[in-house]
Amino acid sequence: MTKPNEIVILMADDDEDDILLTTKALKQSKLLNSLIAVRDGEELMDYLQRKGTYSNPHDSPRPGLILLDLNMPKKDGREALREIKSDENLRDIPVVIFTTSKAEEDIYRSYKLGVNSFITKPVKFEELINVIASLGNYWFKIVKLPQNGD
């Protein structure tokens, strides 16, 4: 359960190992933010639009940051990013592409769609800890985010 005024990280990724490792890296880097995971782009949009099992705002708080994988089933990250950035109620949520892709086309297209940052997932766990710590330092200590839009 999240704490009041906590900035929640919403991770959309279909790889259970990546979710587990990111959760561990979050703890190792001493970030106190809650990480909530969804497994595909459709579930991500249901969460953000509070549909179905995510209809209760208490159980599905508005994220302060979205970590978005590009390659997921049902609806991929590109489609979800397009929907998020075209939705008046969601477009102000920072989105960080967090993917294994290094393709220049993916980077270019993601920024054209309005992504805030593009990060290629590190292979080694120690590098992942450093990336998560840097991400947390930047998004939660340096940058001023809008207050919860609920």
N, C-alpha and C. Protein backbone atom coordinates (compact mmCIF):
# COMPACT_ATOMS: atom_id res chain seq x y z
N MET A 1 0.84 -1.18 0.00
CA MET A 1 0.00 0.00 0.00
C MET A 1 0.89 1.24 0.00
N THR A 2 0.48 2.25 -0.72
CA THR A 2 1.27 3.47 -0.82
C THR A 2 0.97 4.41 0.34
N LYS A 3 1.94 5.28 0.60
CA LYS A 3 1.79 6.27 1.67
C LYS A 3 1.25 7.57 1.07
N PRO A 4 0.58 8.41 1.86
CA PRO A 4 0.09 9.69 1.34
C PRO A 4 1.25 10.52 0.80
N ASN A 5 1.00 11.20 -0.31
CA ASN A 5 1.98 12.06 -0.99
C ASN A 5 3.20 11.32 -1.55
N GLU A 6 3.16 9.99 -1.55
CA GLU A 6 4.25 9.22 -2.13
C GLU A 6 4.16 9.29 -3.65
N ILE A 7 5.32 9.41 -4.29
CA ILE A 7 5.35 9.37 -5.76
C ILE A 7 5.49 7.91 -6.17
N VAL A 8 4.45 7.39 -6.80
CA VAL A 8 4.39 5.99 -7.21
C VAL A 8 5.02 5.83 -8.59
N ILE A 9 5.78 4.76 -8.75
CA ILE A 9 6.34 4.39 -10.05
C ILE A 9 5.47 3.27 -10.60
N LEU A 10 4.98 3.45 -11.81
CA LEU A 10 4.19 2.42 -12.49
C LEU A 10 5.06 1.82 -13.59
N MET A 11 5.32 0.53 -13.50
CA MET A 11 6.17 -0.15 -14.48
C MET A 11 5.31 -1.04 -15.36
N ALA A 12 5.39 -0.82 -16.66
CA ALA A 12 4.68 -1.65 -17.63
C ALA A 12 5.70 -2.52 -18.35
N ASP A 13 5.70 -3.81 -18.03
CA ASP A 13 6.69 -4.73 -18.58
C ASP A 13 6.14 -6.15 -18.48
N ASP A 14 6.29 -6.92 -19.52
CA ASP A 14 5.78 -8.29 -19.51
C ASP A 14 6.80 -9.29 -19.00
N ASP A 15 8.00 -8.86 -18.68
CA ASP A 15 9.06 -9.75 -18.21
C ASP A 15 9.12 -9.73 -16.69
N GLU A 16 8.66 -10.84 -16.07
CA GLU A 16 8.62 -10.93 -14.60
C GLU A 16 10.00 -10.72 -13.98
N ASP A 17 11.05 -11.24 -14.64
CA ASP A 17 12.41 -11.08 -14.11
C ASP A 17 12.82 -9.61 -14.10
N ASP A 18 12.46 -8.87 -15.15
CA ASP A 18 12.80 -7.44 -15.19
C ASP A 18 12.07 -6.68 -14.08
N ILE A 19 10.83 -7.05 -13.82
CA ILE A 19 10.07 -6.39 -12.75
C ILE A 19 10.71 -6.70 -11.40
N LEU A 20 11.05 -7.97 -11.18
CA LEU A 20 11.68 -8.38 -9.93
C LEU A 20 13.03 -7.68 -9.73
N LEU A 21 13.86 -7.66 -10.76
CA LEU A 21 15.17 -7.03 -10.66
C LEU A 21 15.05 -5.52 -10.43
N THR A 22 14.08 -4.89 -11.09
CA THR A 22 13.88 -3.45 -10.89
C THR A 22 13.41 -3.17 -9.48
N THR A 23 12.54 -4.02 -8.95
CA THR A 23 12.10 -3.87 -7.56
C THR A 23 13.27 -4.00 -6.60
N LYS A 24 14.13 -4.99 -6.83
CA LYS A 24 15.31 -5.17 -5.99
C LYS A 24 16.27 -3.98 -6.13
N ALA A 25 16.46 -3.50 -7.35
CA ALA A 25 17.35 -2.36 -7.58
C ALA A 25 16.82 -1.10 -6.89
N LEU A 26 15.51 -0.96 -6.88
CA LEU A 26 14.87 0.18 -6.19
C LEU A 26 15.22 0.14 -4.70
N LYS A 27 15.11 -1.04 -4.10
CA LYS A 27 15.44 -1.18 -2.68
C LYS A 27 16.93 -0.98 -2.43
N GLN A 28 17.76 -1.57 -3.29
CA GLN A 28 19.22 -1.44 -3.14
C GLN A 28 19.68 0.01 -3.26
N SER A 29 18.99 0.77 -4.10
CA SER A 29 19.38 2.18 -4.30
C SER A 29 18.72 3.08 -3.27
N LYS A 30 18.02 2.47 -2.30
CA LYS A 30 17.41 3.16 -1.17
C LYS A 30 16.31 4.16 -1.56
N LEU A 31 15.65 3.87 -2.67
CA LEU A 31 14.49 4.69 -3.05
C LEU A 31 13.27 4.12 -2.34
N LEU A 32 12.50 4.97 -1.74
CA LEU A 32 11.36 4.53 -0.94
C LEU A 32 10.05 4.52 -1.73
N ASN A 33 10.12 4.82 -3.01
CA ASN A 33 8.92 4.85 -3.83
C ASN A 33 8.36 3.45 -4.03
N SER A 34 7.02 3.35 -4.07
CA SER A 34 6.38 2.08 -4.37
C SER A 34 6.46 1.84 -5.88
N LEU A 35 6.66 0.59 -6.24
CA LEU A 35 6.66 0.19 -7.64
C LEU A 35 5.44 -0.70 -7.85
N ILE A 36 4.58 -0.28 -8.77
CA ILE A 36 3.41 -1.06 -9.13
C ILE A 36 3.65 -1.54 -10.56
N ALA A 37 3.41 -2.82 -10.81
CA ALA A 37 3.69 -3.38 -12.13
C ALA A 37 2.41 -3.83 -12.83
N VAL A 38 2.37 -3.56 -14.13
CA VAL A 38 1.34 -4.08 -15.02
C VAL A 38 2.07 -4.83 -16.14
N ARG A 39 1.40 -5.78 -16.77
CA ARG A 39 2.10 -6.72 -17.65
C ARG A 39 1.98 -6.45 -19.15
N ASP A 40 1.13 -5.51 -19.55
CA ASP A 40 1.02 -5.20 -20.98
C ASP A 40 0.40 -3.82 -21.15
N GLY A 41 0.37 -3.35 -22.38
CA GLY A 41 -0.14 -2.01 -22.66
C GLY A 41 -1.62 -1.84 -22.37
N GLU A 42 -2.40 -2.88 -22.56
CA GLU A 42 -3.83 -2.78 -22.25
C GLU A 42 -4.04 -2.63 -20.75
N GLU A 43 -3.31 -3.42 -19.96
CA GLU A 43 -3.42 -3.33 -18.51
C GLU A 43 -2.93 -1.96 -18.03
N LEU A 44 -1.89 -1.43 -18.66
CA LEU A 44 -1.39 -0.10 -18.33
C LEU A 44 -2.48 0.94 -18.53
N MET A 45 -3.14 0.90 -19.67
CA MET A 45 -4.18 1.89 -19.95
C MET A 45 -5.39 1.70 -19.02
N ASP A 46 -5.73 0.45 -18.69
CA ASP A 46 -6.81 0.21 -17.72
C ASP A 46 -6.44 0.84 -16.38
N TYR A 47 -5.20 0.66 -15.96
CA TYR A 47 -4.74 1.24 -14.70
C TYR A 47 -4.86 2.77 -14.75
N LEU A 48 -4.31 3.37 -15.78
CA LEU A 48 -4.28 4.83 -15.88
C LEU A 48 -5.68 5.43 -16.01
N GLN A 49 -6.57 4.70 -16.68
CA GLN A 49 -7.94 5.21 -16.88
C GLN A 49 -8.91 4.67 -15.83
N ARG A 50 -8.36 3.93 -14.87
CA ARG A 50 -9.13 3.38 -13.75
C ARG A 50 -10.32 2.54 -14.21
N LYS A 51 -10.01 1.57 -15.03
CA LYS A 51 -11.04 0.65 -15.52
C LYS A 51 -10.91 -0.70 -14.84
N GLY A 52 -12.00 -1.41 -14.75
CA GLY A 52 -12.00 -2.79 -14.24
C GLY A 52 -11.44 -2.89 -12.84
N THR A 53 -10.45 -3.75 -12.67
CA THR A 53 -9.87 -4.00 -11.35
C THR A 53 -9.13 -2.78 -10.79
N TYR A 54 -8.92 -1.78 -11.61
CA TYR A 54 -8.19 -0.57 -11.19
C TYR A 54 -9.11 0.62 -10.94
N SER A 55 -10.40 0.37 -10.77
CA SER A 55 -11.36 1.47 -10.66
C SER A 55 -11.27 2.23 -9.33
N ASN A 56 -10.72 1.61 -8.30
CA ASN A 56 -10.62 2.26 -7.00
C ASN A 56 -9.32 3.08 -6.92
N PRO A 57 -9.42 4.41 -6.81
CA PRO A 57 -8.21 5.25 -6.76
C PRO A 57 -7.31 4.95 -5.56
N HIS A 58 -7.88 4.45 -4.49
CA HIS A 58 -7.08 4.10 -3.32
C HIS A 58 -6.14 2.94 -3.62
N ASP A 59 -6.62 1.98 -4.42
CA ASP A 59 -5.82 0.81 -4.77
C ASP A 59 -4.95 1.02 -6.01
N SER A 60 -5.25 2.04 -6.79
CA SER A 60 -4.49 2.31 -8.01
C SER A 60 -4.17 3.80 -8.10
N PRO A 61 -3.25 4.25 -7.23
CA PRO A 61 -2.93 5.68 -7.21
C PRO A 61 -2.29 6.15 -8.51
N ARG A 62 -2.53 7.40 -8.82
CA ARG A 62 -1.94 7.99 -10.02
C ARG A 62 -0.41 7.97 -9.91
N PRO A 63 0.26 7.44 -10.92
CA PRO A 63 1.72 7.37 -10.84
C PRO A 63 2.36 8.75 -11.06
N GLY A 64 3.52 8.93 -10.46
CA GLY A 64 4.31 10.13 -10.69
C GLY A 64 5.31 9.91 -11.81
N LEU A 65 5.52 8.62 -12.16
CA LEU A 65 6.46 8.25 -13.21
C LEU A 65 6.05 6.90 -13.77
N ILE A 66 6.14 6.77 -15.08
CA ILE A 66 5.85 5.49 -15.74
C ILE A 66 7.14 4.98 -16.38
N LEU A 67 7.52 3.73 -16.04
CA LEU A 67 8.60 3.03 -16.73
C LEU A 67 7.93 2.12 -17.75
N LEU A 68 8.21 2.34 -19.01
CA LEU A 68 7.46 1.68 -20.08
C LEU A 68 8.36 0.87 -20.99
N ASP A 69 8.10 -0.43 -21.06
CA ASP A 69 8.80 -1.30 -22.00
C ASP A 69 8.15 -1.12 -23.37
N LEU A 70 8.94 -1.21 -24.42
CA LEU A 70 8.38 -1.05 -25.77
C LEU A 70 7.69 -2.31 -26.26
N ASN A 71 8.28 -3.46 -26.00
CA ASN A 71 7.80 -4.71 -26.59
C ASN A 71 7.00 -5.53 -25.58
N MET A 72 5.69 -5.35 -25.64
CA MET A 72 4.78 -6.07 -24.75
C MET A 72 3.63 -6.64 -25.58
N PRO A 73 2.95 -7.67 -25.05
CA PRO A 73 1.80 -8.24 -25.76
C PRO A 73 0.58 -7.32 -25.69
N LYS A 74 -0.40 -7.64 -26.48
CA LYS A 74 -1.70 -6.97 -26.55
C LYS A 74 -1.60 -5.55 -27.11
N LYS A 75 -0.90 -4.68 -26.40
CA LYS A 75 -0.68 -3.31 -26.87
C LYS A 75 0.76 -2.98 -26.49
N ASP A 76 1.58 -2.66 -27.50
CA ASP A 76 2.99 -2.42 -27.16
C ASP A 76 3.20 -1.03 -26.58
N GLY A 77 4.41 -0.77 -26.14
CA GLY A 77 4.72 0.48 -25.47
C GLY A 77 4.54 1.70 -26.35
N ARG A 78 4.77 1.54 -27.64
CA ARG A 78 4.61 2.67 -28.58
C ARG A 78 3.15 3.11 -28.64
N GLU A 79 2.26 2.12 -28.74
CA GLU A 79 0.82 2.42 -28.79
C GLU A 79 0.35 3.05 -27.47
N ALA A 80 0.82 2.47 -26.35
CA ALA A 80 0.44 3.01 -25.05
C ALA A 80 0.96 4.43 -24.87
N LEU A 81 2.21 4.68 -25.29
CA LEU A 81 2.79 6.02 -25.19
C LEU A 81 1.98 7.02 -25.99
N ARG A 82 1.59 6.63 -27.19
CA ARG A 82 0.77 7.51 -28.04
C ARG A 82 -0.54 7.87 -27.34
N GLU A 83 -1.18 6.87 -26.73
CA GLU A 83 -2.44 7.11 -26.02
C GLU A 83 -2.25 8.00 -24.80
N ILE A 84 -1.20 7.73 -24.03
CA ILE A 84 -0.93 8.52 -22.82
C ILE A 84 -0.72 9.99 -23.19
N LYS A 85 0.13 10.23 -24.17
CA LYS A 85 0.49 11.61 -24.51
C LYS A 85 -0.61 12.34 -25.28
N SER A 86 -1.61 11.61 -25.77
CA SER A 86 -2.73 12.29 -26.44
C SER A 86 -3.93 12.46 -25.51
N ASP A 87 -3.82 11.97 -24.28
CA ASP A 87 -4.91 12.07 -23.31
C ASP A 87 -4.65 13.26 -22.39
N GLU A 88 -5.57 14.21 -22.40
CA GLU A 88 -5.45 15.44 -21.60
C GLU A 88 -5.21 15.15 -20.11
N ASN A 89 -5.79 14.08 -19.60
CA ASN A 89 -5.67 13.76 -18.17
C ASN A 89 -4.39 13.00 -17.82
N LEU A 90 -3.68 12.48 -18.83
CA LEU A 90 -2.51 11.64 -18.57
C LEU A 90 -1.20 12.22 -19.08
N ARG A 91 -1.28 13.14 -20.03
CA ARG A 91 -0.07 13.57 -20.73
C ARG A 91 0.99 14.21 -19.85
N ASP A 92 0.60 14.70 -18.67
CA ASP A 92 1.59 15.33 -17.79
C ASP A 92 2.37 14.33 -16.94
N ILE A 93 2.03 13.04 -16.99
CA ILE A 93 2.77 12.03 -16.25
C ILE A 93 4.06 11.74 -17.03
N PRO A 94 5.22 11.92 -16.40
CA PRO A 94 6.47 11.61 -17.10
C PRO A 94 6.55 10.13 -17.45
N VAL A 95 6.99 9.87 -18.68
CA VAL A 95 7.15 8.49 -19.15
C VAL A 95 8.60 8.29 -19.54
N VAL A 96 9.19 7.23 -18.99
CA VAL A 96 10.55 6.84 -19.32
C VAL A 96 10.48 5.49 -20.02
N ILE A 97 10.93 5.45 -21.27
CA ILE A 97 11.03 4.15 -21.94
C ILE A 97 12.18 3.41 -21.27
N PHE A 98 11.89 2.19 -20.83
CA PHE A 98 12.86 1.35 -20.13
C PHE A 98 12.82 0.00 -20.82
N THR A 99 13.73 -0.20 -21.77
CA THR A 99 13.61 -1.31 -22.70
C THR A 99 14.97 -1.91 -23.03
N THR A 100 14.96 -3.08 -23.65
CA THR A 100 16.20 -3.69 -24.10
C THR A 100 16.63 -3.13 -25.46
N SER A 101 15.75 -2.44 -26.13
CA SER A 101 16.04 -1.93 -27.46
C SER A 101 17.11 -0.85 -27.44
N LYS A 102 17.99 -0.92 -28.41
CA LYS A 102 18.98 0.12 -28.64
C LYS A 102 18.80 0.73 -30.03
N ALA A 103 17.72 0.32 -30.69
CA ALA A 103 17.49 0.73 -32.07
C ALA A 103 17.27 2.23 -32.19
N GLU A 104 17.99 2.85 -33.05
CA GLU A 104 17.90 4.30 -33.27
C GLU A 104 16.47 4.69 -33.64
N GLU A 105 15.79 3.86 -34.42
CA GLU A 105 14.41 4.15 -34.82
C GLU A 105 13.48 4.17 -33.60
N ASP A 106 13.68 3.24 -32.66
CA ASP A 106 12.86 3.22 -31.45
C ASP A 106 13.08 4.49 -30.62
N ILE A 107 14.33 4.90 -30.52
CA ILE A 107 14.66 6.11 -29.75
C ILE A 107 13.99 7.32 -30.41
N TYR A 108 14.17 7.46 -31.71
CA TYR A 108 13.62 8.59 -32.45
C TYR A 108 12.09 8.63 -32.34
N ARG A 109 11.45 7.48 -32.63
CA ARG A 109 9.98 7.42 -32.58
C ARG A 109 9.43 7.71 -31.19
N SER A 110 10.12 7.22 -30.16
CA SER A 110 9.66 7.45 -28.79
C SER A 110 9.67 8.93 -28.45
N TYR A 111 10.72 9.62 -28.83
CA TYR A 111 10.77 11.07 -28.56
C TYR A 111 9.74 11.82 -29.39
N LYS A 112 9.51 11.38 -30.62
CA LYS A 112 8.47 12.01 -31.45
C LYS A 112 7.09 11.83 -30.83
N LEU A 113 6.88 10.73 -30.11
CA LEU A 113 5.61 10.47 -29.46
C LEU A 113 5.48 11.17 -28.10
N GLY A 114 6.56 11.79 -27.63
CA GLY A 114 6.49 12.58 -26.41
C GLY A 114 7.10 11.96 -25.17
N VAL A 115 7.93 10.92 -25.32
CA VAL A 115 8.56 10.32 -24.15
C VAL A 115 9.48 11.34 -23.49
N ASN A 116 9.63 11.23 -22.17
CA ASN A 116 10.50 12.16 -21.44
C ASN A 116 11.95 11.71 -21.41
N SER A 117 12.18 10.41 -21.40
CA SER A 117 13.54 9.85 -21.42
C SER A 117 13.49 8.46 -22.04
N PHE A 118 14.63 8.04 -22.57
CA PHE A 118 14.75 6.70 -23.16
C PHE A 118 15.98 6.05 -22.54
N ILE A 119 15.78 4.93 -21.86
CA ILE A 119 16.88 4.22 -21.20
C ILE A 119 16.88 2.77 -21.68
N THR A 120 18.06 2.32 -22.11
CA THR A 120 18.22 0.91 -22.44
C THR A 120 18.56 0.17 -21.14
N LYS A 121 17.81 -0.90 -20.87
CA LYS A 121 18.02 -1.66 -19.63
C LYS A 121 19.44 -2.21 -19.59
N PRO A 122 20.12 -1.99 -18.47
CA PRO A 122 21.46 -2.57 -18.33
C PRO A 122 21.39 -4.09 -18.20
N VAL A 123 22.46 -4.74 -18.59
CA VAL A 123 22.52 -6.20 -18.52
C VAL A 123 22.89 -6.67 -17.12
N LYS A 124 23.84 -5.98 -16.48
CA LYS A 124 24.32 -6.39 -15.15
C LYS A 124 23.50 -5.72 -14.05
N PHE A 125 23.26 -6.48 -12.97
CA PHE A 125 22.44 -5.98 -11.87
C PHE A 125 23.06 -4.74 -11.22
N GLU A 126 24.38 -4.71 -11.08
CA GLU A 126 25.04 -3.55 -10.48
C GLU A 126 24.77 -2.29 -11.31
N GLU A 127 24.78 -2.44 -12.62
CA GLU A 127 24.49 -1.31 -13.51
C GLU A 127 23.03 -0.89 -13.37
N LEU A 128 22.14 -1.86 -13.20
CA LEU A 128 20.71 -1.57 -13.01
C LEU A 128 20.51 -0.76 -11.73
N ILE A 129 21.20 -1.13 -10.66
CA ILE A 129 21.11 -0.37 -9.41
C ILE A 129 21.52 1.08 -9.65
N ASN A 130 22.63 1.28 -10.37
CA ASN A 130 23.10 2.64 -10.67
C ASN A 130 22.10 3.42 -11.50
N VAL A 131 21.51 2.77 -12.50
CA VAL A 131 20.52 3.43 -13.35
C VAL A 131 19.29 3.82 -12.53
N ILE A 132 18.79 2.90 -11.71
CA ILE A 132 17.60 3.18 -10.89
C ILE A 132 17.90 4.29 -9.89
N ALA A 133 19.08 4.27 -9.28
CA ALA A 133 19.46 5.32 -8.33
C ALA A 133 19.52 6.67 -9.04
N SER A 134 20.10 6.71 -10.23
CA SER A 134 20.18 7.96 -11.00
C SER A 134 18.80 8.44 -11.41
N LEU A 135 17.98 7.50 -11.84
CA LEU A 135 16.60 7.80 -12.23
C LEU A 135 15.84 8.40 -11.04
N GLY A 136 15.97 7.76 -9.89
CA GLY A 136 15.31 8.25 -8.69
C GLY A 136 15.82 9.61 -8.27
N ASN A 137 17.12 9.78 -8.31
CA ASN A 137 17.71 11.07 -7.94
C ASN A 137 17.18 12.17 -8.86
N TYR A 138 17.17 11.90 -10.15
CA TYR A 138 16.71 12.91 -11.12
C TYR A 138 15.23 13.21 -10.96
N TRP A 139 14.37 12.18 -11.03
CA TRP A 139 12.93 12.39 -11.06
C TRP A 139 12.32 12.75 -9.71
N PHE A 140 12.95 12.32 -8.62
CA PHE A 140 12.33 12.53 -7.32
C PHE A 140 13.06 13.52 -6.41
N LYS A 141 14.27 13.91 -6.78
CA LYS A 141 15.00 14.88 -5.96
C LYS A 141 15.31 16.17 -6.71
N ILE A 142 15.63 16.08 -7.98
CA ILE A 142 16.03 17.26 -8.76
C ILE A 142 14.83 17.91 -9.43
N VAL A 143 14.06 17.12 -10.17
CA VAL A 143 12.93 17.63 -10.95
C VAL A 143 11.74 17.92 -10.03
N LYS A 144 11.02 18.98 -10.32
CA LYS A 144 9.76 19.26 -9.64
C LYS A 144 8.64 18.67 -10.49
N LEU A 145 7.91 17.73 -9.91
CA LEU A 145 6.78 17.10 -10.60
C LEU A 145 5.49 17.76 -10.17
N PRO A 146 4.48 17.75 -11.05
CA PRO A 146 3.19 18.28 -10.64
C PRO A 146 2.61 17.45 -9.51
N GLN A 147 1.87 18.09 -8.62
CA GLN A 147 1.22 17.36 -7.54
C GLN A 147 0.21 16.40 -8.12
N ASN A 148 -0.10 15.37 -7.39
CA ASN A 148 -1.03 14.33 -7.81
C ASN A 148 -2.29 14.95 -8.43
N GLY A 149 -2.62 14.48 -9.63
CA GLY A 149 -3.74 15.05 -10.39
C GLY A 149 -5.10 14.52 -10.00
N ASP A 150 -5.20 13.73 -8.93
CA ASP A 150 -6.52 13.18 -8.54
C ASP A 150 -7.35 14.18 -7.80
